[in-house]
Amino acid sequence: MFGRRIRGAASPTNLDTGFGIGVQVYVVDKDEDAATPFPNGATGLVVRHGGSAWPGISAVGGLAPVWWIEFDTPQYTAELDGPYSKAQIAQRFLRLAPPATEADLPY
């Protein structure tokens, strides 16, 4: 039957990437990847899934996940467009922020 999964069958992709709504992330800066859309080390929060987009030549062979990021502070693109308070960014340009520690708490 269409759409029926066999119990115990391995998934063709690993969906446990850590990315999801509410996750704090940072955008890689120009030193890590010259093709980054926001080269100044933007930080923010994933607010929704952006679907998928065709990846660049470096990732030929499939679709790349895209996420809507709401920035902590407005950001400019590499072409100096902006400022943007949120943007749709390919997951390849995103990194998970390190977990908060007790030292990060305001009290």
PDB file of N, CA and C in Angstrom:
ATOM      1  N   MET A   1       0.848  -1.182   0.000  1.00  0.00           N
ATOM      2  CA  MET A   1       0.000   0.000   0.000  1.00  0.00           C
ATOM      3  C   MET A   1       0.889   1.240   0.000  1.00  0.00           C
ATOM      4  N   PHE A   2       0.492   2.246  -0.775  1.00  0.00           N
ATOM      5  CA  PHE A   2       1.288   3.463  -0.888  1.00  0.00           C
ATOM      6  C   PHE A   2       1.394   4.166   0.458  1.00  0.00           C
ATOM      7  N   GLY A   3       2.593   4.602   0.831  1.00  0.00           N
ATOM      8  CA  GLY A   3       2.805   5.336   2.074  1.00  0.00           C
ATOM      9  C   GLY A   3       2.960   4.461   3.301  1.00  0.00           C
ATOM     10  N   ARG A   4       2.783   3.176   3.164  1.00  0.00           N
ATOM     11  CA  ARG A   4       2.900   2.287   4.314  1.00  0.00           C
ATOM     12  C   ARG A   4       4.361   1.952   4.549  1.00  0.00           C
ATOM     13  N   ARG A   5       4.777   2.080   5.790  1.00  0.00           N
ATOM     14  CA  ARG A   5       6.167   1.775   6.133  1.00  0.00           C
ATOM     15  C   ARG A   5       6.238   0.424   6.813  1.00  0.00           C
ATOM     16  N   ILE A   6       7.270  -0.280   6.518  1.00  0.00           N
ATOM     17  CA  ILE A   6       7.497  -1.565   7.164  1.00  0.00           C
ATOM     18  C   ILE A   6       8.139  -1.296   8.515  1.00  0.00           C
ATOM     19  N   ARG A   7       7.538  -1.860   9.552  1.00  0.00           N
ATOM     20  CA  ARG A   7       8.050  -1.651  10.906  1.00  0.00           C
ATOM     21  C   ARG A   7       9.479  -2.146  11.011  1.00  0.00           C
ATOM     22  N   GLY A   8      10.345  -1.307  11.579  1.00  0.00           N
ATOM     23  CA  GLY A   8      11.739  -1.672  11.759  1.00  0.00           C
ATOM     24  C   GLY A   8      12.622  -1.363  10.568  1.00  0.00           C
ATOM     25  N   ALA A   9      12.028  -0.895   9.466  1.00  0.00           N
ATOM     26  CA  ALA A   9      12.839  -0.563   8.292  1.00  0.00           C
ATOM     27  C   ALA A   9      13.623   0.718   8.552  1.00  0.00           C
ATOM     28  N   ALA A  10      14.833   0.761   8.083  1.00  0.00           N
ATOM     29  CA  ALA A  10      15.669   1.943   8.279  1.00  0.00           C
ATOM     30  C   ALA A  10      15.190   3.079   7.394  1.00  0.00           C
ATOM     31  N   SER A  11      15.213   4.274   7.930  1.00  0.00           N
ATOM     32  CA  SER A  11      14.842   5.450   7.166  1.00  0.00           C
ATOM     33  C   SER A  11      15.948   5.758   6.163  1.00  0.00           C
ATOM     34  N   PRO A  12      15.598   6.211   4.943  1.00  0.00           N
ATOM     35  CA  PRO A  12      16.635   6.504   3.961  1.00  0.00           C
ATOM     36  C   PRO A  12      17.460   7.745   4.300  1.00  0.00           C
ATOM     37  N   THR A  13      16.944   8.615   5.182  1.00  0.00           N
ATOM     38  CA  THR A  13      17.705   9.787   5.593  1.00  0.00           C
ATOM     39  C   THR A  13      17.703   9.889   7.101  1.00  0.00           C
ATOM     40  N   ASN A  14      18.724  10.501   7.643  1.00  0.00           N
ATOM     41  CA  ASN A  14      18.817  10.707   9.079  1.00  0.00           C
ATOM     42  C   ASN A  14      18.185  12.055   9.407  1.00  0.00           C
ATOM     43  N   LEU A  15      17.028  12.058  10.047  1.00  0.00           N
ATOM     44  CA  LEU A  15      16.326  13.296  10.348  1.00  0.00           C
ATOM     45  C   LEU A  15      16.716  13.884  11.693  1.00  0.00           C
ATOM     46  N   ASP A  16      17.590  13.218  12.429  1.00  0.00           N
ATOM     47  CA  ASP A  16      17.989  13.693  13.753  1.00  0.00           C
ATOM     48  C   ASP A  16      19.201  14.617  13.638  1.00  0.00           C
ATOM     49  N   THR A  17      18.979  15.819  13.104  1.00  0.00           N
ATOM     50  CA  THR A  17      20.073  16.765  12.894  1.00  0.00           C
ATOM     51  C   THR A  17      20.187  17.759  14.028  1.00  0.00           C
ATOM     52  N   GLY A  18      19.152  17.842  14.870  1.00  0.00           N
ATOM     53  CA  GLY A  18      19.156  18.822  15.934  1.00  0.00           C
ATOM     54  C   GLY A  18      18.451  20.106  15.548  1.00  0.00           C
ATOM     55  N   PHE A  19      18.207  20.318  14.261  1.00  0.00           N
ATOM     56  CA  PHE A  19      17.527  21.518  13.804  1.00  0.00           C
ATOM     57  C   PHE A  19      16.024  21.375  13.968  1.00  0.00           C
ATOM     58  N   GLY A  20      15.380  22.472  14.331  1.00  0.00           N
ATOM     59  CA  GLY A  20      13.933  22.498  14.468  1.00  0.00           C
ATOM     60  C   GLY A  20      13.484  23.849  14.995  1.00  0.00           C
ATOM     61  N   ILE A  21      12.190  24.036  15.063  1.00  0.00           N
ATOM     62  CA  ILE A  21      11.629  25.300  15.539  1.00  0.00           C
ATOM     63  C   ILE A  21      12.037  25.532  16.989  1.00  0.00           C
ATOM     64  N   GLY A  22      12.499  26.756  17.274  1.00  0.00           N
ATOM     65  CA  GLY A  22      12.903  27.126  18.617  1.00  0.00           C
ATOM     66  C   GLY A  22      14.380  26.936  18.911  1.00  0.00           C
ATOM     67  N   VAL A  23      15.123  26.381  17.980  1.00  0.00           N
ATOM     68  CA  VAL A  23      16.552  26.125  18.188  1.00  0.00           C
ATOM     69  C   VAL A  23      17.347  27.401  17.923  1.00  0.00           C
ATOM     70  N   GLN A  24      18.301  27.694  18.782  1.00  0.00           N
ATOM     71  CA  GLN A  24      19.175  28.837  18.584  1.00  0.00           C
ATOM     72  C   GLN A  24      20.316  28.440  17.646  1.00  0.00           C
ATOM     73  N   VAL A  25      20.587  29.302  16.670  1.00  0.00           N
ATOM     74  CA  VAL A  25      21.596  29.004  15.669  1.00  0.00           C
ATOM     75  C   VAL A  25      22.460  30.235  15.403  1.00  0.00           C
ATOM     76  N   TYR A  26      23.557  30.002  14.714  1.00  0.00           N
ATOM     77  CA  TYR A  26      24.318  31.113  14.161  1.00  0.00           C
ATOM     78  C   TYR A  26      24.613  30.802  12.709  1.00  0.00           C
ATOM     79  N   VAL A  27      24.746  31.853  11.905  1.00  0.00           N
ATOM     80  CA  VAL A  27      25.062  31.731  10.488  1.00  0.00           C
ATOM     81  C   VAL A  27      26.575  31.784  10.359  1.00  0.00           C
ATOM     82  N   VAL A  28      27.129  30.857   9.582  1.00  0.00           N
ATOM     83  CA  VAL A  28      28.586  30.847   9.424  1.00  0.00           C
ATOM     84  C   VAL A  28      29.041  32.194   8.860  1.00  0.00           C
ATOM     85  N   ASP A  29      30.199  32.648   9.289  1.00  0.00           N
ATOM     86  CA  ASP A  29      30.713  33.930   8.807  1.00  0.00           C
ATOM     87  C   ASP A  29      31.566  33.711   7.551  1.00  0.00           C
ATOM     88  N   LYS A  30      32.023  34.801   6.973  1.00  0.00           N
ATOM     89  CA  LYS A  30      32.766  34.726   5.706  1.00  0.00           C
ATOM     90  C   LYS A  30      34.095  33.989   5.852  1.00  0.00           C
ATOM     91  N   ASP A  31      34.647  33.894   7.065  1.00  0.00           N
ATOM     92  CA  ASP A  31      35.890  33.163   7.260  1.00  0.00           C
ATOM     93  C   ASP A  31      35.686  31.649   7.157  1.00  0.00           C
ATOM     94  N   GLU A  32      34.498  31.183   7.543  1.00  0.00           N
ATOM     95  CA  GLU A  32      34.204  29.745   7.479  1.00  0.00           C
ATOM     96  C   GLU A  32      33.715  29.332   6.098  1.00  0.00           C
ATOM     97  N   ASP A  33      32.912  30.175   5.438  1.00  0.00           N
ATOM     98  CA  ASP A  33      32.392  29.865   4.105  1.00  0.00           C
ATOM     99  C   ASP A  33      32.166  31.180   3.371  1.00  0.00           C
ATOM    100  N   ALA A  34      32.945  31.410   2.333  1.00  0.00           N
ATOM    101  CA  ALA A  34      32.864  32.676   1.590  1.00  0.00           C
ATOM    102  C   ALA A  34      31.514  32.874   0.910  1.00  0.00           C
ATOM    103  N   ALA A  35      30.739  31.813   0.722  1.00  0.00           N
ATOM    104  CA  ALA A  35      29.440  31.908   0.054  1.00  0.00           C
ATOM    105  C   ALA A  35      28.290  32.217   1.008  1.00  0.00           C
ATOM    106  N   THR A  36      28.563  32.409   2.283  1.00  0.00           N
ATOM    107  CA  THR A  36      27.508  32.644   3.263  1.00  0.00           C
ATOM    108  C   THR A  36      26.665  33.875   2.900  1.00  0.00           C
ATOM    109  N   PRO A  37      25.347  33.804   3.070  1.00  0.00           N
ATOM    110  CA  PRO A  37      24.502  34.945   2.718  1.00  0.00           C
ATOM    111  C   PRO A  37      24.598  36.103   3.717  1.00  0.00           C
ATOM    112  N   PHE A  38      24.973  35.825   4.951  1.00  0.00           N
ATOM    113  CA  PHE A  38      25.108  36.855   5.986  1.00  0.00           C
ATOM    114  C   PHE A  38      26.503  36.709   6.590  1.00  0.00           C
ATOM    115  N   PRO A  39      27.498  37.436   6.043  1.00  0.00           N
ATOM    116  CA  PRO A  39      28.908  37.178   6.354  1.00  0.00           C
ATOM    117  C   PRO A  39      29.405  37.674   7.710  1.00  0.00           C
ATOM    118  N   ASN A  40      28.569  38.351   8.478  1.00  0.00           N
ATOM    119  CA  ASN A  40      29.067  38.953   9.713  1.00  0.00           C
ATOM    120  C   ASN A  40      28.733  38.174  10.980  1.00  0.00           C
ATOM    121  N   GLY A  41      28.477  36.873  10.863  1.00  0.00           N
ATOM    122  CA  GLY A  41      28.248  36.044  12.042  1.00  0.00           C
ATOM    123  C   GLY A  41      26.917  36.289  12.723  1.00  0.00           C
ATOM    124  N   ALA A  42      25.836  36.313  11.961  1.00  0.00           N
ATOM    125  CA  ALA A  42      24.498  36.544  12.506  1.00  0.00           C
ATOM    126  C   ALA A  42      24.087  35.412  13.451  1.00  0.00           C
ATOM    127  N   THR A  43      23.310  35.746  14.482  1.00  0.00           N
ATOM    128  CA  THR A  43      22.750  34.756  15.396  1.00  0.00           C
ATOM    129  C   THR A  43      21.240  34.934  15.431  1.00  0.00           C
ATOM    130  N   GLY A  44      20.536  33.866  15.781  1.00  0.00           N
ATOM    131  CA  GLY A  44      19.088  33.974  15.831  1.00  0.00           C
ATOM    132  C   GLY A  44      18.423  32.684  16.244  1.00  0.00           C
ATOM    133  N   LEU A  45      17.135  32.628  15.959  1.00  0.00           N
ATOM    134  CA  LEU A  45      16.272  31.535  16.389  1.00  0.00           C
ATOM    135  C   LEU A  45      15.518  30.987  15.188  1.00  0.00           C
ATOM    136  N   VAL A  46      15.428  29.658  15.072  1.00  0.00           N
ATOM    137  CA  VAL A  46      14.640  29.037  14.009  1.00  0.00           C
ATOM    138  C   VAL A  46      13.164  29.249  14.346  1.00  0.00           C
ATOM    139  N   VAL A  47      12.425  29.896  13.427  1.00  0.00           N
ATOM    140  CA  VAL A  47      11.010  30.164  13.678  1.00  0.00           C
ATOM    141  C   VAL A  47      10.086  29.285  12.855  1.00  0.00           C
ATOM    142  N   ARG A  48      10.580  28.715  11.753  1.00  0.00           N
ATOM    143  CA  ARG A  48       9.791  27.753  10.987  1.00  0.00           C
ATOM    144  C   ARG A  48      10.654  27.093   9.934  1.00  0.00           C
ATOM    145  N   HIS A  49      10.146  25.969   9.428  1.00  0.00           N
ATOM    146  CA  HIS A  49      10.846  25.251   8.367  1.00  0.00           C
ATOM    147  C   HIS A  49      10.580  25.980   7.068  1.00  0.00           C
ATOM    148  N   GLY A  50      11.594  26.117   6.249  1.00  0.00           N
ATOM    149  CA  GLY A  50      11.457  26.861   5.004  1.00  0.00           C
ATOM    150  C   GLY A  50      11.281  25.991   3.789  1.00  0.00           C
ATOM    151  N   GLY A  51      11.103  24.693   3.963  1.00  0.00           N
ATOM    152  CA  GLY A  51      10.978  23.804   2.816  1.00  0.00           C
ATOM    153  C   GLY A  51      12.340  23.292   2.412  1.00  0.00           C
ATOM    154  N   SER A  52      12.590  23.307   1.119  1.00  0.00           N
ATOM    155  CA  SER A  52      13.878  22.865   0.619  1.00  0.00           C
ATOM    156  C   SER A  52      14.206  23.649  -0.641  1.00  0.00           C
ATOM    157  N   ALA A  53      15.460  23.701  -0.970  1.00  0.00           N
ATOM    158  CA  ALA A  53      15.920  24.427  -2.146  1.00  0.00           C
ATOM    159  C   ALA A  53      17.037  23.634  -2.796  1.00  0.00           C
ATOM    160  N   TRP A  54      17.243  23.884  -4.061  1.00  0.00           N
ATOM    161  CA  TRP A  54      18.334  23.190  -4.733  1.00  0.00           C
ATOM    162  C   TRP A  54      19.648  23.693  -4.180  1.00  0.00           C
ATOM    163  N   PRO A  55      20.526  22.804  -3.769  1.00  0.00           N
ATOM    164  CA  PRO A  55      21.813  23.232  -3.228  1.00  0.00           C
ATOM    165  C   PRO A  55      22.744  23.704  -4.333  1.00  0.00           C
ATOM    166  N   GLY A  56      23.835  24.313  -3.943  1.00  0.00           N
ATOM    167  CA  GLY A  56      24.835  24.757  -4.899  1.00  0.00           C
ATOM    168  C   GLY A  56      25.624  23.600  -5.466  1.00  0.00           C
ATOM    169  N   ILE A  57      26.565  23.907  -6.291  1.00  0.00           N
ATOM    170  CA  ILE A  57      27.360  22.880  -6.967  1.00  0.00           C
ATOM    171  C   ILE A  57      28.078  21.983  -5.971  1.00  0.00           C
ATOM    172  N   SER A  58      28.426  22.515  -4.787  1.00  0.00           N
ATOM    173  CA  SER A  58      29.169  21.727  -3.802  1.00  0.00           C
ATOM    174  C   SER A  58      28.340  20.612  -3.185  1.00  0.00           C
ATOM    175  N   ALA A  59      27.019  20.640  -3.399  1.00  0.00           N
ATOM    176  CA  ALA A  59      26.162  19.612  -2.800  1.00  0.00           C
ATOM    177  C   ALA A  59      25.219  19.026  -3.843  1.00  0.00           C
ATOM    178  N   VAL A  60      25.741  18.681  -4.988  1.00  0.00           N
ATOM    179  CA  VAL A  60      24.931  18.146  -6.076  1.00  0.00           C
ATOM    180  C   VAL A  60      24.311  16.817  -5.660  1.00  0.00           C
ATOM    181  N   GLY A  61      23.064  16.606  -6.047  1.00  0.00           N
ATOM    182  CA  GLY A  61      22.461  15.306  -5.828  1.00  0.00           C
ATOM    183  C   GLY A  61      21.295  15.310  -4.878  1.00  0.00           C
ATOM    184  N   GLY A  62      20.613  16.410  -4.671  1.00  0.00           N
ATOM    185  CA  GLY A  62      19.451  16.379  -3.808  1.00  0.00           C
ATOM    186  C   GLY A  62      19.030  17.757  -3.361  1.00  0.00           C
ATOM    187  N   LEU A  63      18.101  17.761  -2.436  1.00  0.00           N
ATOM    188  CA  LEU A  63      17.583  19.010  -1.902  1.00  0.00           C
ATOM    189  C   LEU A  63      18.246  19.327  -0.575  1.00  0.00           C
ATOM    190  N   ALA A  64      18.370  20.611  -0.265  1.00  0.00           N
ATOM    191  CA  ALA A  64      18.971  21.046   0.995  1.00  0.00           C
ATOM    192  C   ALA A  64      17.894  21.654   1.870  1.00  0.00           C
ATOM    193  N   PRO A  65      17.806  21.280   3.152  1.00  0.00           N
ATOM    194  CA  PRO A  65      16.818  21.889   4.050  1.00  0.00           C
ATOM    195  C   PRO A  65      17.061  23.390   4.198  1.00  0.00           C
ATOM    196  N   VAL A  66      15.974  24.132   4.323  1.00  0.00           N
ATOM    197  CA  VAL A  66      16.024  25.577   4.490  1.00  0.00           C
ATOM    198  C   VAL A  66      15.194  25.935   5.713  1.00  0.00           C
ATOM    199  N   TRP A  67      15.669  26.913   6.507  1.00  0.00           N
ATOM    200  CA  TRP A  67      14.988  27.319   7.729  1.00  0.00           C
ATOM    201  C   TRP A  67      14.788  28.830   7.746  1.00  0.00           C
ATOM    202  N   TRP A  68      13.669  29.290   8.333  1.00  0.00           N
ATOM    203  CA  TRP A  68      13.445  30.714   8.565  1.00  0.00           C
ATOM    204  C   TRP A  68      14.091  31.050   9.895  1.00  0.00           C
ATOM    205  N   ILE A  69      15.000  32.013   9.872  1.00  0.00           N
ATOM    206  CA  ILE A  69      15.729  32.444  11.065  1.00  0.00           C
ATOM    207  C   ILE A  69      15.312  33.864  11.413  1.00  0.00           C
ATOM    208  N   GLU A  70      14.920  34.076  12.661  1.00  0.00           N
ATOM    209  CA  GLU A  70      14.670  35.430  13.164  1.00  0.00           C
ATOM    210  C   GLU A  70      15.938  35.854  13.889  1.00  0.00           C
ATOM    211  N   PHE A  71      16.567  36.907  13.381  1.00  0.00           N
ATOM    212  CA  PHE A  71      17.863  37.340  13.908  1.00  0.00           C
ATOM    213  C   PHE A  71      17.721  38.044  15.255  1.00  0.00           C
ATOM    214  N   ASP A  72      18.778  37.946  16.058  1.00  0.00           N
ATOM    215  CA  ASP A  72      18.833  38.665  17.328  1.00  0.00           C
ATOM    216  C   ASP A  72      18.903  40.168  17.089  1.00  0.00           C
ATOM    217  N   THR A  73      19.637  40.570  16.069  1.00  0.00           N
ATOM    218  CA  THR A  73      19.722  41.974  15.656  1.00  0.00           C
ATOM    219  C   THR A  73      19.610  42.004  14.132  1.00  0.00           C
ATOM    220  N   PRO A  74      19.041  43.052  13.551  1.00  0.00           N
ATOM    221  CA  PRO A  74      18.911  43.119  12.087  1.00  0.00           C
ATOM    222  C   PRO A  74      20.267  42.927  11.392  1.00  0.00           C
ATOM    223  N   GLN A  75      20.222  42.249  10.241  1.00  0.00           N
ATOM    224  CA  GLN A  75      21.444  41.864   9.535  1.00  0.00           C
ATOM    225  C   GLN A  75      21.439  42.346   8.088  1.00  0.00           C
ATOM    226  N   TYR A  76      22.642  42.520   7.535  1.00  0.00           N
ATOM    227  CA  TYR A  76      22.838  42.861   6.136  1.00  0.00           C
ATOM    228  C   TYR A  76      23.431  41.658   5.409  1.00  0.00           C
ATOM    229  N   THR A  77      23.076  41.514   4.128  1.00  0.00           N
ATOM    230  CA  THR A  77      23.623  40.436   3.321  1.00  0.00           C
ATOM    231  C   THR A  77      25.034  40.781   2.876  1.00  0.00           C
ATOM    232  N   ALA A  78      25.655  39.841   2.180  1.00  0.00           N
ATOM    233  CA  ALA A  78      26.991  40.079   1.639  1.00  0.00           C
ATOM    234  C   ALA A  78      26.976  41.202   0.602  1.00  0.00           C
ATOM    235  N   GLU A  79      25.818  41.416  -0.043  1.00  0.00           N
ATOM    236  CA  GLU A  79      25.681  42.489  -1.035  1.00  0.00           C
ATOM    237  C   GLU A  79      25.224  43.797  -0.398  1.00  0.00           C
ATOM    238  N   LEU A  80      25.188  43.844   0.935  1.00  0.00           N
ATOM    239  CA  LEU A  80      24.779  45.003   1.732  1.00  0.00           C
ATOM    240  C   LEU A  80      23.303  45.352   1.572  1.00  0.00           C
ATOM    241  N   ASP A  81      22.468  44.360   1.243  1.00  0.00           N
ATOM    242  CA  ASP A  81      21.019  44.542   1.263  1.00  0.00           C
ATOM    243  C   ASP A  81      20.551  44.393   2.699  1.00  0.00           C
ATOM    244  N   GLY A  82      19.494  45.106   3.049  1.00  0.00           N
ATOM    245  CA  GLY A  82      18.957  44.978   4.397  1.00  0.00           C
ATOM    246  C   GLY A  82      18.724  46.315   5.028  1.00  0.00           C
ATOM    247  N   PRO A  83      18.509  46.386   6.284  1.00  0.00           N
ATOM    248  CA  PRO A  83      18.655  45.300   7.262  1.00  0.00           C
ATOM    249  C   PRO A  83      17.440  44.364   7.275  1.00  0.00           C
ATOM    250  N   TYR A  84      17.689  43.096   7.557  1.00  0.00           N
ATOM    251  CA  TYR A  84      16.654  42.065   7.647  1.00  0.00           C
ATOM    252  C   TYR A  84      16.508  41.614   9.090  1.00  0.00           C
ATOM    253  N   SER A  85      15.260  41.471   9.535  1.00  0.00           N
ATOM    254  CA  SER A  85      15.019  40.950  10.882  1.00  0.00           C
ATOM    255  C   SER A  85      14.867  39.433  10.860  1.00  0.00           C
ATOM    256  N   LYS A  86      14.540  38.869   9.678  1.00  0.00           N
ATOM    257  CA  LYS A  86      14.490  37.414   9.520  1.00  0.00           C
ATOM    258  C   LYS A  86      14.765  37.075   8.065  1.00  0.00           C
ATOM    259  N   ALA A  87      15.184  35.847   7.844  1.00  0.00           N
ATOM    260  CA  ALA A  87      15.530  35.414   6.494  1.00  0.00           C
ATOM    261  C   ALA A  87      15.432  33.903   6.385  1.00  0.00           C
ATOM    262  N   GLN A  88      15.264  33.438   5.153  1.00  0.00           N
ATOM    263  CA  GLN A  88      15.243  32.013   4.842  1.00  0.00           C
ATOM    264  C   GLN A  88      16.675  31.618   4.477  1.00  0.00           C
ATOM    265  N   ILE A  89      17.258  30.678   5.229  1.00  0.00           N
ATOM    266  CA  ILE A  89      18.670  30.325   5.060  1.00  0.00           C
ATOM    267  C   ILE A  89      18.829  28.811   4.948  1.00  0.00           C
ATOM    268  N   ALA A  90      19.647  28.393   3.985  1.00  0.00           N
ATOM    269  CA  ALA A  90      19.934  26.968   3.809  1.00  0.00           C
ATOM    270  C   ALA A  90      20.658  26.433   5.039  1.00  0.00           C
ATOM    271  N   GLN A  91      20.306  25.216   5.425  1.00  0.00           N
ATOM    272  CA  GLN A  91      20.886  24.602   6.627  1.00  0.00           C
ATOM    273  C   GLN A  91      22.399  24.492   6.535  1.00  0.00           C
ATOM    274  N   ARG A  92      22.959  24.404   5.350  1.00  0.00           N
ATOM    275  CA  ARG A  92      24.419  24.271   5.226  1.00  0.00           C
ATOM    276  C   ARG A  92      25.158  25.497   5.744  1.00  0.00           C
ATOM    277  N   PHE A  93      24.464  26.645   5.860  1.00  0.00           N
ATOM    278  CA  PHE A  93      25.079  27.855   6.382  1.00  0.00           C
ATOM    279  C   PHE A  93      24.790  28.061   7.871  1.00  0.00           C
ATOM    280  N   LEU A  94      24.094  27.126   8.493  1.00  0.00           N
ATOM    281  CA  LEU A  94      23.698  27.271   9.895  1.00  0.00           C
ATOM    282  C   LEU A  94      24.455  26.301  10.782  1.00  0.00           C
ATOM    283  N   ARG A  95      24.721  26.732  11.995  1.00  0.00           N
ATOM    284  CA  ARG A  95      25.325  25.876  13.019  1.00  0.00           C
ATOM    285  C   ARG A  95      24.488  26.010  14.279  1.00  0.00           C
ATOM    286  N   LEU A  96      24.341  24.928  15.003  1.00  0.00           N
ATOM    287  CA  LEU A  96      23.615  24.971  16.267  1.00  0.00           C
ATOM    288  C   LEU A  96      24.426  25.761  17.285  1.00  0.00           C
ATOM    289  N   ALA A  97      23.759  26.633  18.019  1.00  0.00           N
ATOM    290  CA  ALA A  97      24.435  27.390  19.074  1.00  0.00           C
ATOM    291  C   ALA A  97      24.774  26.434  20.212  1.00  0.00           C
ATOM    292  N   PRO A  98      25.872  26.671  20.910  1.00  0.00           N
ATOM    293  CA  PRO A  98      26.199  25.797  22.040  1.00  0.00           C
ATOM    294  C   PRO A  98      25.129  25.905  23.123  1.00  0.00           C
ATOM    295  N   PRO A  99      24.874  24.832  23.850  1.00  0.00           N
ATOM    296  CA  PRO A  99      23.850  24.880  24.903  1.00  0.00           C
ATOM    297  C   PRO A  99      24.212  25.903  25.995  1.00  0.00           C
ATOM    298  N   ALA A 100      23.199  26.515  26.546  1.00  0.00           N
ATOM    299  CA  ALA A 100      23.412  27.477  27.640  1.00  0.00           C
ATOM    300  C   ALA A 100      23.870  26.740  28.895  1.00  0.00           C
ATOM    301  N   THR A 101      24.695  27.404  29.665  1.00  0.00           N
ATOM    302  CA  THR A 101      25.145  26.844  30.940  1.00  0.00           C
ATOM    303  C   THR A 101      24.585  27.688  32.064  1.00  0.00           C
ATOM    304  N   GLU A 102      24.787  27.267  33.278  1.00  0.00           N
ATOM    305  CA  GLU A 102      24.302  28.010  34.431  1.00  0.00           C
ATOM    306  C   GLU A 102      24.907  29.415  34.485  1.00  0.00           C
ATOM    307  N   ALA A 103      26.130  29.561  34.003  1.00  0.00           N
ATOM    308  CA  ALA A 103      26.789  30.858  33.973  1.00  0.00           C
ATOM    309  C   ALA A 103      26.089  31.852  33.036  1.00  0.00           C
ATOM    310  N   ASP A 104      25.310  31.334  32.072  1.00  0.00           N
ATOM    311  CA  ASP A 104      24.597  32.200  31.139  1.00  0.00           C
ATOM    312  C   ASP A 104      23.298  32.742  31.702  1.00  0.00           C
ATOM    313  N   LEU A 105      22.837  32.210  32.819  1.00  0.00           N
ATOM    314  CA  LEU A 105      21.567  32.648  33.398  1.00  0.00           C
ATOM    315  C   LEU A 105      21.688  34.058  33.983  1.00  0.00           C
ATOM    316  N   PRO A 106      20.614  34.840  33.905  1.00  0.00           N
ATOM    317  CA  PRO A 106      20.681  36.232  34.361  1.00  0.00           C
ATOM    318  C   PRO A 106      20.643  36.398  35.875  1.00  0.00           C
ATOM    319  N   TYR A 107      20.441  35.370  36.639  1.00  0.00           N
ATOM    320  CA  TYR A 107      20.374  35.514  38.099  1.00  0.00           C
ATOM    321  C   TYR A 107      21.459  34.757  38.800  1.00  0.00           C
TER     322      TYR A 107
END
